Amino acid sequence: MESLEIVPVGIDHLEDLQEIGRTTFKEAFSAENAEESLAKYLEEGFSRERLSSELNNKESQFYFAKMNGNILGYLKLNTGQAQTELKEAEGLEIERIYVLQAFLGKKVGQALYEKAITVAREMNMKYVWLGVWENNLRAIQFYSKNGFVAFDKHFFKLGDEEQTDLMMKKVL
């Protein structure tokens, strides 16, 4: 495989982020979710206003995984009050790691994950945590393999549906 780059995403990449975000989320979850709920989530969760606000938040960071100028996936990290839960100063949340289906199993997700761990260590975080849908066995296996342990559950709203996420943590 050619060389993969992990590059920071800024506000000038909003359209690219919106496109990769919607595409990868749809690929990951369309088979197991109602079309209306998915459409509502894609519209709200990846709206220009929402992404613009997230990109401008100093406590959130986005990164693209790129190869030959093509975006293969992305990563979103949160610290402080940008975290969806916990909000502890010594924790970093991996809110999203998404990779195009065609590149699953090709170390793109691993490279994004390793970037998250590097950022957490550079910021002297004590742990990294995330939420993962209880039915997303591939992701749960990926995080478990990388040393994450489930410690709680929370609810995630997909459109009008409430789903259960496992909360997983890795102490650094």
Protein backbone atom coordinates (compact mmCIF):
# COMPACT_ATOMS: atom_id res chain seq x y z
CA MET A 1 0.00 0.00 0.00
CA GLU A 2 1.24 3.49 -0.82
CA SER A 3 2.09 5.82 2.02
CA LEU A 4 -0.78 6.91 4.20
CA GLU A 5 -0.78 10.41 5.67
CA ILE A 6 -2.66 11.56 8.76
CA VAL A 7 -3.29 15.29 8.35
CA PRO A 8 -5.09 17.88 10.49
CA VAL A 9 -8.47 19.11 9.23
CA GLY A 10 -9.36 22.79 9.34
CA ILE A 11 -12.48 24.84 8.62
CA ASP A 12 -11.40 25.11 4.95
CA HIS A 13 -11.99 21.32 4.66
CA LEU A 14 -15.62 21.48 5.81
CA GLU A 15 -17.13 20.07 2.58
CA ASP A 16 -14.62 17.20 2.50
CA LEU A 17 -15.35 16.42 6.15
CA GLN A 18 -19.09 16.52 5.52
CA GLU A 19 -18.74 14.13 2.56
CA ILE A 20 -16.42 11.59 4.25
CA GLY A 21 -18.48 11.79 7.45
CA ARG A 22 -21.80 11.08 5.76
CA THR A 23 -20.38 8.42 3.45
CA THR A 24 -18.56 6.42 6.11
CA PHE A 25 -21.40 6.64 8.64
CA LYS A 26 -23.90 5.47 6.03
CA GLU A 27 -21.63 2.60 4.97
CA ALA A 28 -21.15 1.55 8.59
CA PHE A 29 -24.75 1.67 9.76
CA SER A 30 -27.27 1.64 6.87
CA ALA A 31 -27.72 -2.15 6.90
CA GLU A 32 -28.89 -2.32 10.53
CA ASN A 33 -30.86 0.91 10.93
CA ALA A 34 -34.11 2.42 9.68
CA GLU A 35 -33.60 4.62 6.62
CA GLU A 36 -35.52 7.55 8.17
CA SER A 37 -33.47 7.52 11.38
CA LEU A 38 -30.22 7.32 9.41
CA ALA A 39 -31.25 10.15 7.07
CA LYS A 40 -32.23 12.38 10.00
CA TYR A 41 -28.92 11.71 11.78
CA LEU A 42 -26.87 12.33 8.62
CA GLU A 43 -28.68 15.62 8.00
CA GLU A 44 -28.33 16.92 11.58
CA GLY A 45 -25.01 15.36 12.61
CA PHE A 46 -23.16 16.43 9.48
CA SER A 47 -24.84 19.77 8.75
CA ARG A 48 -22.56 22.69 7.75
CA GLU A 49 -23.51 24.52 10.97
CA ARG A 50 -22.74 21.57 13.22
CA LEU A 51 -19.42 20.70 11.54
CA SER A 52 -18.39 24.35 11.40
CA SER A 53 -19.02 24.67 15.14
CA GLU A 54 -17.07 21.45 15.85
CA LEU A 55 -14.15 22.50 13.62
CA ASN A 56 -13.97 25.88 15.39
CA ASN A 57 -14.03 24.31 18.88
CA LYS A 58 -10.51 24.54 20.36
CA GLU A 59 -11.19 21.37 22.40
CA SER A 60 -11.89 19.23 19.31
CA GLN A 61 -9.44 18.02 16.68
CA PHE A 62 -10.10 16.35 13.34
CA TYR A 63 -7.67 14.40 11.15
CA PHE A 64 -8.00 12.88 7.68
CA ALA A 65 -6.32 9.67 6.60
CA LYS A 66 -5.19 10.43 3.05
CA MET A 67 -3.45 8.53 0.30
CA ASN A 68 -2.59 10.02 -3.09
CA GLY A 69 -4.74 13.03 -2.22
CA ASN A 70 -7.80 10.86 -1.53
CA ILE A 71 -9.51 10.90 1.85
CA LEU A 72 -9.93 7.33 3.13
CA GLY A 73 -11.23 8.07 6.62
CA TYR A 74 -11.18 10.50 9.51
CA LEU A 75 -10.72 10.88 13.25
CA LYS A 76 -12.39 13.23 15.73
CA LEU A 77 -10.91 13.80 19.20
CA ASN A 78 -12.38 15.79 22.10
CA THR A 79 -10.94 17.14 25.34
CA GLY A 80 -12.42 19.18 28.18
CA GLN A 81 -15.99 20.34 27.70
CA ALA A 82 -16.09 19.15 24.07
CA GLN A 83 -16.26 15.54 25.32
CA THR A 84 -19.69 13.98 24.94
CA GLU A 85 -19.49 12.57 28.50
CA LEU A 86 -17.02 12.29 31.40
CA LYS A 87 -15.52 15.74 30.57
CA GLU A 88 -12.55 15.08 32.86
CA ALA A 89 -9.40 17.12 32.21
CA GLU A 90 -7.18 14.03 32.19
CA GLY A 91 -9.24 12.16 29.56
CA LEU A 92 -9.33 12.32 25.80
CA GLU A 93 -12.36 11.09 23.88
CA ILE A 94 -12.12 9.40 20.51
CA GLU A 95 -15.54 10.46 19.27
CA ARG A 96 -15.13 9.11 15.75
CA ILE A 97 -12.85 6.85 13.75
CA TYR A 98 -14.47 6.11 10.41
CA VAL A 99 -12.91 4.55 7.32
CA LEU A 100 -14.36 3.96 3.87
CA GLN A 101 -15.59 0.39 3.55
CA ALA A 102 -13.17 -0.32 0.69
CA PHE A 103 -10.26 0.35 3.08
CA LEU A 104 -11.44 -1.56 6.15
CA GLY A 105 -8.82 -4.10 7.24
CA LYS A 106 -6.04 -2.17 5.50
CA LYS A 107 -4.57 -0.47 8.62
CA VAL A 108 -6.21 2.92 7.96
CA GLY A 109 -8.26 2.74 11.16
CA GLN A 110 -5.17 1.58 13.05
CA ALA A 111 -3.20 4.60 11.77
CA LEU A 112 -5.98 6.96 12.88
CA TYR A 113 -6.15 5.20 16.25
CA GLU A 114 -2.37 5.51 16.70
CA LYS A 115 -2.63 9.25 15.93
CA ALA A 116 -5.23 9.55 18.72
CA ILE A 117 -2.91 7.81 21.20
CA THR A 118 0.01 10.03 20.13
CA VAL A 119 -2.11 13.16 20.68
CA ALA A 120 -3.28 11.88 24.08
CA ARG A 121 0.30 11.20 25.18
CA GLU A 122 1.52 14.59 23.91
CA MET A 123 -1.24 16.21 26.01
CA ASN A 124 -0.27 14.09 29.05
CA MET A 125 -3.70 12.50 29.27
CA LYS A 126 -4.17 9.68 31.78
CA TYR A 127 -6.66 7.76 29.64
CA VAL A 128 -8.49 7.62 26.33
CA TRP A 129 -12.16 6.68 26.14
CA LEU A 130 -14.89 6.23 23.55
CA GLY A 131 -18.43 5.04 22.98
CA VAL A 132 -19.13 2.25 20.48
CA TRP A 133 -22.51 0.83 19.42
CA GLU A 134 -23.07 -2.50 21.17
CA ASN A 135 -23.94 -4.12 17.82
CA ASN A 136 -20.75 -2.91 16.11
CA LEU A 137 -18.79 -6.06 16.89
CA ARG A 138 -16.00 -5.26 14.43
CA ALA A 139 -15.26 -1.96 16.21
CA ILE A 140 -15.54 -3.52 19.68
CA GLN A 141 -13.05 -6.20 18.65
CA PHE A 142 -10.71 -3.53 17.22
CA TYR A 143 -10.73 -1.49 20.44
CA SER A 144 -10.40 -4.57 22.66
CA LYS A 145 -7.38 -5.70 20.63
CA ASN A 146 -5.89 -2.24 21.26
CA GLY A 147 -6.28 -2.51 25.04
CA PHE A 148 -9.66 -0.87 25.66
CA VAL A 149 -11.96 -2.26 28.35
CA ALA A 150 -15.72 -1.65 28.65
CA PHE A 151 -16.60 0.28 31.82
CA ASP A 152 -20.15 1.57 31.31
CA LYS A 153 -22.98 2.08 28.81
CA HIS A 154 -24.76 5.13 27.50
CA PHE A 155 -27.52 5.91 25.03
CA PHE A 156 -26.96 7.28 21.55
CA LYS A 157 -29.78 8.86 19.59
CA LEU A 158 -29.87 7.90 15.92
CA GLY A 159 -32.70 9.92 14.43
CA ASP A 160 -35.67 8.94 16.59
CA GLU A 161 -34.12 5.66 17.80
CA GLU A 162 -32.27 5.22 21.07
CA GLN A 163 -29.35 2.80 20.90
CA THR A 164 -26.95 1.50 23.52
CA ASP A 165 -23.25 2.25 23.26
CA LEU A 166 -20.57 0.53 25.28
CA MET A 167 -18.21 3.02 26.86
CA MET A 168 -14.63 1.76 26.67
CA LYS A 169 -11.46 3.12 28.24
CA LYS A 170 -7.73 2.61 27.88
CA VAL A 171 -5.40 3.85 30.62
CA LEU A 172 -2.18 5.29 29.20
